[in-house]
Structure formats: C-alpha cells, structure tokens
Amino acid sequence: MDISALKEIFSVGETIAVEFKRCGNRIENDTYETVCSFLNRFGGDIFMGVLDDGTVEGVNPKVAPELVKNFIKCISNQQLFTPTIYLVPEILEYDGRTIIHVHVPMSAEVHSYKKVIYDRVDDADVRVISTDQIAQMYIRKQDIFTERRIYPYVEKEDLRLDMLSRLRVMARNNTMTGTHPWTDLTDDELLRSANLYGTDRMTGQKGFNMAAVLLLGKDDVIMDILPAYVTDAILRVRDVDRYDDREIIKTNLIDSYERLMEFGRKHLPDKFFLENDQRKSLREIITREMIANVLIHREFTSSYPAKFIIERDRMYVENASRSVSNGIITPDNLEPNPKNPIIASFFRNIGYADQLGSGVRNLFKYSMYYSGKEPEFKEGDIFRIIVPLDAEMDGETTQGGGQGNTQANNDTTQGATQAPQDTTQGDVELSAIEIGIIDQMRINPSVSQSKIAENLDCKVDQIKYYVKRLKDKGVLSREGSQQKGHWVVNPDIEDQ
C-alpha cells in the first residue's frame, strides 16, 4: 500500500471497512473484535498506530515484529477464535512513523472471538446476541441463491397455472415486436424456460424451486413453505400511532405487485408531468420501482416482513436482504447485485421491472420532480428505499424537458409550479444536500464530517460521498491535516 493511498484513507477516517487502533506495547482485545466483525461482514483494513481521528501516532518500531507474532498466534488459537483464520500483518513506514496494517478478507463462515460473535455496523464492532441476527449472518454467508432451493414434493397442482395465459399476454405486450418466446411454449416448457423447474446439482433432486412457489404458488402452499412470508402495506398519515389503512398481503408475487400498486394509487397523488411532450405518471414510475424492488430483492427465508409504508412526509419500503455491502447507495457508487435473479428475470419479462440498477437511477431522477428531494437507498441486512413526499403537492402540474428542465404549460396548467432541480452556482450544479454541506463549511471551516451529518440529519457515509463529489467538481478542498486542517470553498461559487 503506497503513501498516497494511506493518506487518502487517513483523511477520510474510519468506515465500515476501515478501523484505526492506537496500539501501545501490546495489541488490545478490541483489535481482535474488529478482526471478527470484518470476517463476518465484508472484510476491511486495520491500521495499528493510528488514532481514531486519523492522526498517525505510530507504534514502537522495536516491538512491532513481536506484536505481529502475537497477533498471528492469537488468531490461530482455537480457544480464542472459532474458526481460526490466518492473516499476514505488514509493518509500514508512514511520515517517519511505524504502523502495522492488517487486511481482513470477508469469510465464508461465521466467526466468534472468545465465544462472542461480532458484526460490523457503520464504523463500530457490535456484539451479536439475538438468534435472529445470527441466523441473518448465516444466510448472508450462503453461497447459493435461496430462490433456487428445490421442493421435490411440490406438484403442478400446487401452482396457479391458470395465471400463465395472462402472463404470456403481458410478456408479449412488453416487447417491441409484439412477439415473445413464451407465446408458443406449453406450460411445462414455459416453467422450465423461466428456470422455475430444475435440478439440485448437490443432491440430484428434481422439482419446482422456491421462485416457482413465490411467483405462481397457491396461497396455502406458500404459507406451508414460508410461514413468515408477508408484505405489509400501511398508510400512516392521520393516526401516526397505528394506521389509517392497512393491507396484509400473503399471496404470490404477481398478485402482490398488483395489490401494492393499487394501494399506492389509492393513497398517493399523481402529479401531472410531461417529458418530451409525453404524459408520464410520476406516481406510477416511483411506486413501480419501489414495489418491484421490495418484492424481487428480498431474502424470503427471513422472518422479517416486507413493508410498504406511506406517511405524511415520506413513503418507504423495507425488506430483509442478503447484502454484499452496507451504507448509502447512490447512482455513482451503485454496483447492481441480483438477490433473486430468477424472480427478477420473470418480472422483467412481464414488464413489472426493468434492467438491474435502473430503479436507482429512475428514482433519483423522478423523485426530484415528484417532491423536490432525493431518495435514500440504505443497504444492509434490512434494505430500505425512502422517498420524501410533499404534503402540499396534490394538484400541482409540471412539464419535463429533455434535459430535466421544467416549466408551466400555459395552455393547460395555470398556476403550476416548476419541478425541483439542482441549483446552478456559476458553472456548477449543486444538489440541496451539497449546498447544505457548503453552508456548514462556510459557517465553520473546521467542522467535522460527523458534525455536518448531525446538523443535516444525514448518515456520515452520505456526507463523505457528497464531500468527495464536491472535491471532484472543484468546489471544495481540504488544507492541513484531518485533525487540525480546514475546508476551503471555491470562491467562484456564489453565496446563497
């Protein structure tokens, strides 16, 4: 690892994958707790001889080799680590000081240190006690998609094959040519073509898989196989302690999608919107992306219920997930990862979903027109999409241009408001959160990113993402160290 990479790491600070340890003449227990949490989550890097704020204090170079030996001895001790792991720390020189770097890979197993399981949450090591959390960790470690699990005693009589004729029509209508391979296939051929019937290559068992049951299964069959399966739709506007309306859905994914979409139509306004002279329903676009995500990408073996909740100032979906990362997802850091590729492919064929990753981009684009604010995507064991709402927008009208600019249509929409867009300062477009960050730094150039997150009611990871984006735009720079330095805002950026 070179000096420039180390400098960047120390300036950003601790994250879900980076941990600093002071480390005097011996390695403290919390270092091994971090090793355990990194193994159980996504892996990471530990730097010994570095303070929490990124200041490099260093370790005694005379004892560094002994510290490395003790570290290897500890993680190889079955009485301390279960299962044991082999890691190779490296001794580095940085700014005239000695530090020890350990890269910890993500493990395929669940590890414990002194009989305690640790997990990584943001930049902290957390004890895992509840059986449900431990079960989630084992699910996350599985190297198979649970949707492929074969149920050899599920028969065709257990499936809603009467739905296939309608689904063929939907698939045909979803193509540009008006033809689709499913049209000419028999029911058996369609089920095999959609990968709903297969073979377990480990056991040789043949049969319908979990994806088939979830997409086409009769309600009682779904409940037999997944007794905790439920999607909860809740309206909570006036009665915030309970709810104003609620629908508990325990049916197949096709019908669940349609019922959730109808719930959104029932309780959400549809702001008139034109894009390139074409009328588009913002409500349909946004709810479609949210609902498709909560149905397609959830971990169905978890007992955590999926939810679609509408409140006065926001709506959100959440579901159990077998996540491969943790933190805030944005269009710039998006790495599409299919949780249930068979179900996702089926939804795409019938027009209920688009290509992987398009949902994030669509929601960032159209949420600004719908409510004037960006959505939030929070990846973790529980995945959440939060879309802000404007309680006063019902009846407003916008017209979208090819480049996202909007203006009122004088012929049909008197008194309409403009759709929200980024503010342009000089030649640089800034989002609302970026403007907020700049304002915080103008008030206090020495303000920390964690303090900015607190003041703006955001996650630290989100602030770090936008600070990096501001640096890339040339709006922002940092002078001095992480501890004693300060922010410098480009003077060409106009004051608000």
Protein backbone atom coordinates (compact mmCIF):
# COMPACT_ATOMS: atom_id res chain seq x y z
CA MET A 1 0.00 0.00 0.00
CA ASP A 2 1.58 3.29 -1.12
CA ILE A 3 1.80 6.58 0.75
CA SER A 4 -0.86 8.36 -1.31
CA ALA A 5 -3.38 5.57 -0.65
CA LEU A 6 -2.62 5.70 3.08
CA LYS A 7 -3.01 9.48 3.12
CA GLU A 8 -6.42 9.22 1.48
CA ILE A 9 -7.56 6.55 3.97
CA PHE A 10 -6.43 8.56 6.99
CA SER A 11 -8.11 11.73 5.67
CA VAL A 12 -11.47 10.00 5.15
CA GLY A 13 -11.43 8.34 8.56
CA GLU A 14 -12.98 5.17 9.92
CA THR A 15 -15.69 3.49 7.86
CA ILE A 16 -17.43 0.14 7.73
CA ALA A 17 -14.24 -1.28 6.17
CA VAL A 18 -11.50 0.79 7.88
CA GLU A 19 -10.55 0.77 11.57
CA PHE A 20 -7.78 2.66 13.44
CA LYS A 21 -6.18 1.31 16.63
CA ARG A 22 -3.82 3.24 18.92
CA CYS A 23 -1.75 0.16 19.93
CA GLY A 24 0.98 0.80 22.53
CA ASN A 25 3.30 -2.00 23.54
CA ARG A 26 0.60 -4.65 23.08
CA ILE A 27 -2.47 -5.33 20.97
CA GLU A 28 -5.72 -4.70 22.81
CA ASN A 29 -8.72 -7.06 22.74
CA ASP A 30 -10.84 -4.65 20.70
CA THR A 31 -8.45 -5.18 17.75
CA TYR A 32 -9.43 -8.85 17.66
CA GLU A 33 -13.10 -7.90 17.98
CA THR A 34 -12.66 -5.83 14.81
CA VAL A 35 -10.98 -8.77 13.06
CA CYS A 36 -14.00 -10.89 13.97
CA SER A 37 -16.51 -8.28 12.77
CA PHE A 38 -14.65 -7.77 9.47
CA LEU A 39 -14.61 -11.53 8.86
CA ASN A 40 -18.34 -11.68 9.50
CA ARG A 41 -19.24 -8.69 7.31
CA PHE A 42 -17.43 -7.53 4.14
CA GLY A 43 -13.80 -7.57 5.25
CA GLY A 44 -11.68 -4.48 5.84
CA ASP A 45 -8.35 -2.96 6.83
CA ILE A 46 -6.98 -2.38 10.34
CA PHE A 47 -4.22 0.17 10.95
CA MET A 48 -2.41 -0.09 14.29
CA GLY A 49 -0.61 3.01 15.49
CA VAL A 50 -3.32 5.39 14.24
CA LEU A 51 -5.73 7.37 16.44
CA ASP A 52 -9.50 7.43 15.88
CA ASP A 53 -9.31 10.81 14.10
CA GLY A 54 -6.71 9.56 11.58
CA THR A 55 -3.66 11.03 13.31
CA VAL A 56 -0.67 8.71 12.85
CA GLU A 57 0.96 8.22 16.25
CA GLY A 58 2.89 5.09 15.30
CA VAL A 59 3.99 2.05 17.27
CA ASN A 60 7.36 1.39 18.83
CA PRO A 61 9.43 0.03 15.90
CA LYS A 62 11.40 -2.19 18.30
CA VAL A 63 8.29 -4.09 19.42
CA ALA A 64 6.44 -4.12 16.06
CA PRO A 65 7.79 -7.57 14.97
CA GLU A 66 6.77 -9.05 18.34
CA LEU A 67 3.29 -7.51 18.00
CA VAL A 68 2.90 -9.21 14.61
CA LYS A 69 3.92 -12.59 16.07
CA ASN A 70 1.46 -12.23 18.95
CA PHE A 71 -1.29 -11.23 16.54
CA ILE A 72 -0.79 -14.32 14.38
CA LYS A 73 -0.60 -16.53 17.46
CA CYS A 74 -3.88 -15.13 18.82
CA ILE A 75 -5.96 -15.51 15.64
CA SER A 76 -4.62 -19.07 15.27
CA ASN A 77 -5.69 -20.03 18.80
CA GLN A 78 -8.83 -22.19 18.73
CA GLN A 79 -9.61 -21.19 22.31
CA LEU A 80 -9.93 -17.56 21.20
CA PHE A 81 -11.07 -17.65 17.56
CA THR A 82 -13.65 -20.07 16.20
CA PRO A 83 -12.97 -20.96 13.46
CA THR A 84 -9.38 -19.78 13.32
CA ILE A 85 -8.05 -17.63 10.50
CA TYR A 86 -4.61 -16.95 9.05
CA LEU A 87 -3.71 -13.33 8.32
CA VAL A 88 -0.39 -11.70 7.47
CA PRO A 89 0.12 -8.22 9.00
CA GLU A 90 2.65 -5.91 7.34
CA ILE A 91 4.86 -3.33 9.00
CA LEU A 92 4.83 0.00 7.14
CA GLU A 93 6.61 3.33 7.43
CA TYR A 94 4.47 6.46 7.14
CA ASP A 95 5.71 10.01 7.69
CA GLY A 96 8.66 8.72 9.72
CA ARG A 97 6.48 6.53 11.96
CA THR A 98 5.92 2.77 12.10
CA ILE A 99 2.42 1.39 11.66
CA ILE A 100 1.02 -2.12 11.25
CA HIS A 101 -1.53 -2.86 8.56
CA VAL A 102 -3.76 -5.95 8.50
CA HIS A 103 -6.09 -6.72 5.61
CA VAL A 104 -9.01 -8.91 6.73
CA PRO A 105 -10.95 -10.61 3.92
CA MET A 106 -14.64 -11.44 4.09
CA SER A 107 -15.01 -15.01 5.31
CA ALA A 108 -17.41 -17.68 4.09
CA GLU A 109 -18.00 -18.70 7.72
CA VAL A 110 -19.38 -17.05 10.86
CA HIS A 111 -16.58 -16.37 13.37
CA SER A 112 -16.52 -15.71 17.10
CA TYR A 113 -13.88 -14.23 19.39
CA LYS A 114 -13.89 -15.51 22.98
CA LYS A 115 -17.23 -17.20 22.18
CA VAL A 116 -18.82 -13.87 21.17
CA ILE A 117 -19.92 -13.14 17.59
CA TYR A 118 -19.22 -9.61 16.33
CA ASP A 119 -20.63 -7.80 13.32
CA ARG A 120 -19.64 -4.54 11.65
CA VAL A 121 -22.23 -1.75 11.71
CA ASP A 122 -21.07 1.56 10.19
CA ASP A 123 -17.68 2.10 11.90
CA ALA A 124 -18.38 0.08 15.06
CA ASP A 125 -17.97 -3.53 16.16
CA VAL A 126 -21.25 -4.81 17.60
CA ARG A 127 -21.93 -7.91 19.69
CA VAL A 128 -24.48 -10.19 18.04
CA ILE A 129 -26.69 -11.83 20.64
CA SER A 130 -30.16 -12.46 19.21
CA THR A 131 -30.74 -15.72 17.36
CA ASP A 132 -32.46 -13.85 14.53
CA GLN A 133 -29.37 -11.70 13.89
CA ILE A 134 -27.13 -14.77 13.98
CA ALA A 135 -29.45 -16.51 11.52
CA GLN A 136 -29.21 -13.47 9.22
CA MET A 137 -25.43 -13.76 9.29
CA TYR A 138 -25.56 -17.41 8.26
CA ILE A 139 -27.99 -16.53 5.46
CA ARG A 140 -25.60 -13.82 4.28
CA LYS A 141 -22.76 -16.36 4.16
CA GLN A 142 -24.63 -18.81 1.96
CA ASP A 143 -23.06 -19.20 -1.46
CA ILE A 144 -26.36 -20.05 -3.18
CA PHE A 145 -29.48 -18.10 -4.03
CA THR A 146 -32.23 -19.39 -1.75
CA GLU A 147 -34.77 -18.90 -4.55
CA ARG A 148 -33.18 -21.95 -6.24
CA ARG A 149 -33.98 -24.28 -3.32
CA ILE A 150 -35.74 -27.36 -4.73
CA TYR A 151 -39.02 -28.67 -3.22
CA PRO A 152 -39.39 -32.15 -4.75
CA TYR A 153 -42.90 -32.70 -3.35
CA VAL A 154 -44.39 -29.55 -4.87
CA GLU A 155 -46.57 -30.59 -7.82
CA LYS A 156 -48.14 -28.66 -10.70
CA GLU A 157 -51.43 -28.84 -8.82
CA ASP A 158 -49.85 -26.63 -6.14
CA LEU A 159 -49.28 -23.81 -8.64
CA ARG A 160 -51.64 -21.25 -10.20
CA LEU A 161 -51.11 -22.44 -13.76
CA ASP A 162 -54.29 -20.58 -14.72
CA MET A 163 -52.21 -17.38 -14.49
CA LEU A 164 -49.89 -18.42 -17.32
CA SER A 165 -52.22 -17.38 -20.14
CA ARG A 166 -52.41 -13.84 -18.74
CA LEU A 167 -48.65 -13.75 -18.16
CA ARG A 168 -48.00 -14.80 -21.76
CA VAL A 169 -50.05 -11.83 -22.97
CA MET A 170 -48.18 -9.48 -20.59
CA ALA A 171 -44.82 -10.76 -21.84
CA ARG A 172 -45.89 -10.34 -25.48
CA ASN A 173 -47.16 -6.80 -24.85
CA ASN A 174 -43.87 -5.93 -23.17
CA THR A 175 -41.85 -6.48 -26.36
CA MET A 176 -41.25 -4.03 -29.19
CA THR A 177 -42.09 -6.66 -31.83
CA GLY A 178 -45.29 -7.95 -30.24
CA THR A 179 -43.90 -11.48 -30.03
CA HIS A 180 -42.39 -13.41 -27.14
CA PRO A 181 -40.97 -16.97 -26.87
CA TRP A 182 -43.43 -17.83 -24.09
CA THR A 183 -46.35 -17.46 -26.51
CA ASP A 184 -45.65 -20.73 -28.33
CA LEU A 185 -44.46 -22.76 -25.31
CA THR A 186 -46.53 -25.29 -23.40
CA ASP A 187 -46.97 -24.75 -19.67
CA ASP A 188 -44.23 -27.26 -18.87
CA GLU A 189 -41.87 -25.70 -21.39
CA LEU A 190 -42.54 -22.20 -20.04
CA LEU A 191 -41.86 -23.27 -16.45
CA ARG A 192 -38.56 -24.82 -17.46
CA SER A 193 -37.65 -21.91 -19.73
CA ALA A 194 -38.19 -19.50 -16.81
CA ASN A 195 -35.94 -21.69 -14.60
CA LEU A 196 -38.81 -22.46 -12.24
CA TYR A 197 -38.21 -26.20 -12.53
CA GLY A 198 -34.70 -27.51 -12.12
CA THR A 199 -32.22 -29.92 -10.57
CA ASP A 200 -30.26 -29.61 -7.34
CA ARG A 201 -26.76 -30.48 -8.54
CA MET A 202 -25.67 -31.34 -4.98
CA THR A 203 -28.39 -33.90 -4.27
CA GLY A 204 -29.76 -34.75 -7.70
CA GLN A 205 -33.30 -33.82 -6.62
CA LYS A 206 -35.57 -32.51 -9.36
CA GLY A 207 -38.59 -30.31 -8.88
CA PHE A 208 -40.05 -26.84 -8.61
CA ASN A 209 -37.93 -24.30 -6.75
CA MET A 210 -38.79 -21.56 -4.28
CA ALA A 211 -39.02 -19.00 -7.10
CA ALA A 212 -41.82 -21.06 -8.70
CA VAL A 213 -43.71 -21.23 -5.42
CA LEU A 214 -43.37 -17.49 -4.81
CA LEU A 215 -44.35 -16.46 -8.34
CA LEU A 216 -47.14 -18.95 -9.02
CA GLY A 217 -47.84 -20.86 -5.81
CA LYS A 218 -51.28 -21.14 -4.28
CA ASP A 219 -51.58 -19.18 -1.05
CA ASP A 220 -51.71 -22.23 1.24
CA VAL A 221 -48.63 -23.75 -0.43
CA ILE A 222 -46.66 -20.52 0.04
CA MET A 223 -47.65 -20.45 3.73
CA ASP A 224 -46.61 -24.10 4.18
CA ILE A 225 -43.14 -23.43 2.80
CA LEU A 226 -42.62 -19.88 4.09
CA PRO A 227 -44.92 -19.41 7.12
CA ALA A 228 -43.48 -15.94 7.91
CA TYR A 229 -43.95 -14.64 4.37
CA VAL A 230 -45.96 -11.41 4.37
CA THR A 231 -45.92 -7.96 2.79
CA ASP A 232 -47.46 -5.21 4.91
CA ALA A 233 -48.91 -2.09 3.22
CA ILE A 234 -49.65 0.72 5.69
CA LEU A 235 -50.99 4.27 5.42
CA ARG A 236 -49.97 6.33 8.45
CA VAL A 237 -50.89 9.99 7.95
CA ARG A 238 -53.50 11.00 10.50
CA ASP A 239 -53.20 8.15 13.01
CA VAL A 240 -49.42 8.03 13.32
CA ASP A 241 -49.50 5.70 16.34
CA ARG A 242 -51.36 2.95 14.46
CA TYR A 243 -52.54 3.45 10.88
CA ASP A 244 -55.27 4.93 8.70
CA ASP A 245 -55.38 2.00 6.30
CA ARG A 246 -53.63 -1.33 6.12
CA GLU A 247 -53.45 -4.33 3.82
CA ILE A 248 -51.68 -7.54 4.83
CA ILE A 249 -50.68 -9.42 1.69
CA LYS A 250 -49.83 -13.14 1.75
CA THR A 251 -50.25 -14.16 -1.86
CA ASN A 252 -47.99 -14.82 -4.84
CA LEU A 253 -45.60 -12.11 -6.05
CA ILE A 254 -47.57 -11.31 -9.21
CA ASP A 255 -50.80 -10.56 -7.33
CA SER A 256 -48.81 -8.91 -4.51
CA TYR A 257 -47.32 -6.45 -7.00
CA GLU A 258 -50.75 -5.51 -8.36
CA ARG A 259 -52.28 -5.08 -4.90
CA LEU A 260 -49.39 -2.91 -3.71
CA MET A 261 -49.60 -0.74 -6.83
CA GLU A 262 -53.33 -0.28 -6.23
CA PHE A 263 -52.62 0.67 -2.61
CA GLY A 264 -50.28 3.40 -3.90
CA ARG A 265 -52.88 4.66 -6.41
CA LYS A 266 -55.45 4.80 -3.63
CA HIS A 267 -53.39 6.93 -1.25
CA LEU A 268 -50.86 8.92 -3.29
CA PRO A 269 -51.50 11.96 -5.51
CA ASP A 270 -50.43 11.79 -9.14
CA LYS A 271 -48.69 15.00 -10.16
CA PHE A 272 -49.24 15.88 -13.83
CA PHE A 273 -45.91 15.62 -15.67
CA LEU A 274 -44.77 15.94 -19.27
CA GLU A 275 -41.43 14.69 -20.53
CA ASN A 276 -40.60 15.39 -24.16
CA ASP A 277 -44.30 16.15 -24.76
CA GLN A 278 -45.28 12.75 -23.37
CA ARG A 279 -47.55 12.42 -20.35
CA LYS A 280 -45.96 10.33 -17.60
CA SER A 281 -47.32 9.29 -14.22
CA LEU A 282 -44.71 10.11 -11.60
CA ARG A 283 -46.67 8.13 -9.03
CA GLU A 284 -46.63 5.02 -11.23
CA ILE A 285 -42.93 5.32 -12.03
CA ILE A 286 -41.86 5.80 -8.41
CA THR A 287 -44.14 3.22 -6.76
CA ARG A 288 -43.35 0.70 -9.50
CA GLU A 289 -39.62 0.91 -8.80
CA MET A 290 -40.10 0.73 -5.03
CA ILE A 291 -42.59 -2.14 -5.08
CA ALA A 292 -40.68 -4.18 -7.66
CA ASN A 293 -37.56 -3.85 -5.52
CA VAL A 294 -39.22 -4.90 -2.26
CA LEU A 295 -40.71 -7.99 -3.94
CA ILE A 296 -37.77 -9.06 -6.11
CA HIS A 297 -34.71 -8.45 -3.96
CA ARG A 298 -35.79 -9.62 -0.51
CA GLU A 299 -34.41 -12.59 1.39
CA PHE A 300 -37.53 -14.75 1.63
CA THR A 301 -36.12 -17.16 4.23
CA SER A 302 -36.02 -14.33 6.79
CA SER A 303 -38.94 -13.84 9.16
CA TYR A 304 -38.66 -10.05 8.78
CA PRO A 305 -41.82 -8.81 6.97
CA ALA A 306 -41.53 -6.68 3.87
CA LYS A 307 -43.25 -3.29 4.19
CA PHE A 308 -44.64 -0.51 2.02
CA ILE A 309 -45.44 2.47 4.25
CA ILE A 310 -46.89 5.84 3.28
CA GLU A 311 -46.52 8.69 5.79
CA ARG A 312 -47.22 12.41 5.58
CA ASP A 313 -43.70 13.47 4.60
CA ARG A 314 -42.29 10.27 3.11
CA MET A 315 -43.00 6.80 1.82
CA TYR A 316 -40.64 3.87 2.12
CA VAL A 317 -40.19 0.17 1.54
CA GLU A 318 -38.01 -2.17 3.53
CA ASN A 319 -37.19 -5.85 3.40
CA ALA A 320 -34.73 -8.41 4.69
CA SER A 321 -31.70 -8.67 2.45
CA ARG A 322 -28.60 -10.77 2.00
CA SER A 323 -26.45 -7.69 1.48
CA VAL A 324 -22.98 -7.58 -0.03
CA SER A 325 -22.27 -4.06 1.23
CA ASN A 326 -23.50 -1.66 3.84
CA GLY A 327 -24.24 2.05 3.67
CA ILE A 328 -25.83 4.61 1.35
CA ILE A 329 -26.32 3.72 -2.32
CA THR A 330 -26.13 6.47 -4.93
CA PRO A 331 -26.09 6.39 -8.76
CA ASP A 332 -22.31 6.92 -8.63
CA ASN A 333 -21.46 4.05 -6.29
CA LEU A 334 -24.19 1.67 -7.47
CA GLU A 335 -22.98 -1.89 -8.04
CA PRO A 336 -26.05 -3.88 -9.18
CA ASN A 337 -26.27 -7.22 -7.41
CA PRO A 338 -29.21 -9.55 -8.12
CA LYS A 339 -30.54 -11.10 -4.91
CA ASN A 340 -33.06 -13.33 -6.75
CA PRO A 341 -32.12 -13.44 -10.46
CA ILE A 342 -34.85 -15.95 -11.44
CA ILE A 343 -37.63 -13.81 -9.94
CA ALA A 344 -36.05 -10.63 -11.34
CA SER A 345 -35.91 -12.13 -14.84
CA PHE A 346 -39.56 -13.21 -14.62
CA PHE A 347 -40.62 -9.70 -13.58
CA ARG A 348 -38.65 -8.17 -16.46
CA ASN A 349 -40.31 -10.50 -18.95
CA ILE A 350 -43.82 -9.40 -17.95
CA GLY A 351 -42.89 -5.70 -17.68
CA TYR A 352 -43.01 -5.34 -13.91
CA ALA A 353 -39.30 -4.44 -13.69
CA ASP A 354 -36.51 -3.11 -15.89
CA GLN A 355 -32.84 -3.95 -16.12
CA LEU A 356 -30.87 -4.29 -12.91
CA GLY A 357 -29.79 -0.92 -11.49
CA SER A 358 -32.28 1.18 -13.48
CA GLY A 359 -34.53 1.58 -10.42
CA VAL A 360 -31.92 3.61 -8.54
CA ARG A 361 -31.39 5.97 -11.47
CA ASN A 362 -35.13 6.35 -12.13
CA LEU A 363 -35.91 7.13 -8.51
CA PHE A 364 -33.14 9.74 -8.26
CA LYS A 365 -34.42 11.35 -11.45
CA TYR A 366 -38.19 11.31 -10.90
CA SER A 367 -38.27 11.80 -7.13
CA MET A 368 -36.93 15.31 -7.65
CA TYR A 369 -39.90 16.08 -9.92
CA TYR A 370 -42.36 14.44 -7.54
CA SER A 371 -41.33 16.01 -4.23
CA GLY A 372 -38.25 18.15 -4.86
CA LYS A 373 -35.96 15.90 -2.82
CA GLU A 374 -33.64 12.98 -3.48
CA PRO A 375 -34.50 9.45 -2.32
CA GLU A 376 -32.35 7.42 0.05
CA PHE A 377 -31.16 3.86 -0.54
CA LYS A 378 -29.82 2.16 2.58
CA GLU A 379 -28.10 -1.17 2.05
CA GLY A 380 -27.73 -3.64 4.90
CA ASP A 381 -29.36 -6.72 6.40
CA ILE A 382 -32.53 -4.63 6.16
CA PHE A 383 -32.70 -2.80 2.82
CA ARG A 384 -34.65 0.47 2.68
CA ILE A 385 -35.74 2.90 -0.01
CA ILE A 386 -37.06 6.21 1.32
CA VAL A 387 -38.78 8.70 -1.00
CA PRO A 388 -39.67 12.10 0.52
CA LEU A 389 -43.21 13.41 -0.04
CA ASP A 390 -44.58 16.93 -0.34
CA ALA A 391 -47.88 17.01 1.53
CA GLU A 392 -48.98 20.16 -0.35
CA MET A 393 -48.25 18.98 -3.89
CA ASP A 394 -51.62 17.41 -4.73
CA GLY A 395 -52.93 19.01 -7.90
CA GLU A 396 -49.64 20.60 -8.93
CA THR A 397 -48.53 20.27 -12.53
CA THR A 398 -45.08 20.11 -14.10
CA GLN A 399 -43.68 19.76 -17.56
CA GLY A 400 -40.35 18.00 -18.04
CA GLY A 401 -37.92 18.83 -20.82
CA GLY A 402 -35.44 16.54 -22.50
CA GLN A 403 -32.66 17.68 -20.15
CA GLY A 404 -34.76 17.61 -17.00
CA ASN A 405 -35.74 21.31 -17.09
CA THR A 406 -39.41 22.08 -16.37
CA GLN A 407 -41.84 24.93 -16.92
CA ALA A 408 -45.55 25.51 -16.64
CA ASN A 409 -47.74 24.69 -19.59
CA ASN A 410 -49.66 27.94 -20.07
CA ASP A 411 -52.36 26.34 -22.22
CA THR A 412 -53.46 23.67 -19.74
CA THR A 413 -51.96 24.26 -16.30
CA GLN A 414 -52.36 27.75 -14.95
CA GLY A 415 -50.62 28.28 -11.61
CA ALA A 416 -48.42 25.24 -11.96
CA THR A 417 -45.11 25.01 -10.10
CA GLN A 418 -41.73 24.16 -11.57
CA ALA A 419 -40.31 20.72 -10.91
CA PRO A 420 -37.38 20.76 -8.49
CA GLN A 421 -33.90 20.73 -9.94
CA ASP A 422 -30.31 21.23 -8.90
CA THR A 423 -29.25 24.78 -8.17
CA THR A 424 -26.62 26.15 -10.56
CA GLN A 425 -23.86 28.23 -8.99
CA GLY A 426 -21.50 29.61 -11.60
CA ASP A 427 -20.95 26.67 -13.97
CA VAL A 428 -21.51 24.00 -11.29
CA GLU A 429 -24.82 22.33 -10.48
CA LEU A 430 -25.28 21.53 -6.81
CA SER A 431 -27.93 19.45 -5.11
CA ALA A 432 -29.70 20.62 -1.96
CA ILE A 433 -27.54 18.46 0.31
CA GLU A 434 -24.34 19.74 -1.35
CA ILE A 435 -25.47 23.31 -0.75
CA GLY A 436 -26.15 22.41 2.88
CA ILE A 437 -22.65 20.97 3.27
CA ILE A 438 -21.08 24.10 1.77
CA ASP A 439 -23.12 26.32 4.09
CA GLN A 440 -21.91 24.33 7.10
CA MET A 441 -18.29 24.72 5.99
CA ARG A 442 -18.66 28.45 5.39
CA ILE A 443 -20.02 28.87 8.91
CA ASN A 444 -17.27 26.72 10.43
CA PRO A 445 -14.35 25.78 8.11
CA SER A 446 -13.04 23.34 10.74
CA VAL A 447 -16.32 21.44 11.09
CA SER A 448 -16.03 17.63 11.01
CA GLN A 449 -17.97 15.47 8.60
CA SER A 450 -19.70 13.74 11.50
CA LYS A 451 -20.87 17.14 12.82
CA ILE A 452 -22.17 18.07 9.35
CA ALA A 453 -24.08 14.78 9.26
CA GLU A 454 -25.59 15.57 12.66
CA ASN A 455 -26.59 19.11 11.65
CA LEU A 456 -28.12 17.98 8.35
CA ASP A 457 -29.71 14.85 9.84
CA CYS A 458 -27.82 12.55 7.46
CA LYS A 459 -25.59 9.49 7.72
CA VAL A 460 -21.84 10.12 7.89
CA ASP A 461 -21.32 7.83 4.86
CA GLN A 462 -23.71 10.02 2.88
CA ILE A 463 -21.81 13.19 3.80
CA LYS A 464 -18.50 11.56 2.88
CA TYR A 465 -19.92 10.65 -0.53
CA TYR A 466 -21.09 14.21 -1.25
CA VAL A 467 -17.86 15.77 0.08
CA LYS A 468 -15.90 13.60 -2.34
CA ARG A 469 -18.27 14.65 -5.13
CA LEU A 470 -17.75 18.32 -4.24
CA LYS A 471 -13.98 17.80 -4.34
CA ASP A 472 -14.25 16.15 -7.76
CA LYS A 473 -16.28 19.13 -9.01
CA GLY A 474 -13.58 21.53 -7.83
CA VAL A 475 -15.98 23.17 -5.39
CA LEU A 476 -14.19 22.06 -2.26
CA SER A 477 -10.68 21.32 -0.99
CA ARG A 478 -9.03 20.48 2.30
CA GLU A 479 -6.00 22.27 3.73
CA GLY A 480 -3.99 20.85 6.58
CA SER A 481 -4.41 17.56 8.43
CA GLN A 482 -7.64 15.77 9.25
CA GLN A 483 -7.20 16.83 12.87
CA LYS A 484 -6.09 20.46 12.52
CA GLY A 485 -6.97 21.34 8.93
CA HIS A 486 -9.94 23.23 7.49
CA TRP A 487 -12.23 23.27 4.47
CA VAL A 488 -11.79 25.72 1.61
CA VAL A 489 -14.79 26.51 -0.60
CA ASN A 490 -14.02 27.67 -4.14
CA PRO A 491 -14.55 31.49 -4.08
CA ASP A 492 -16.15 31.29 -7.56
CA ILE A 493 -19.13 29.52 -6.01
CA GLU A 494 -21.73 32.18 -5.29
CA ASP A 495 -23.08 32.75 -1.82
CA GLN A 496 -26.63 31.62 -1.15
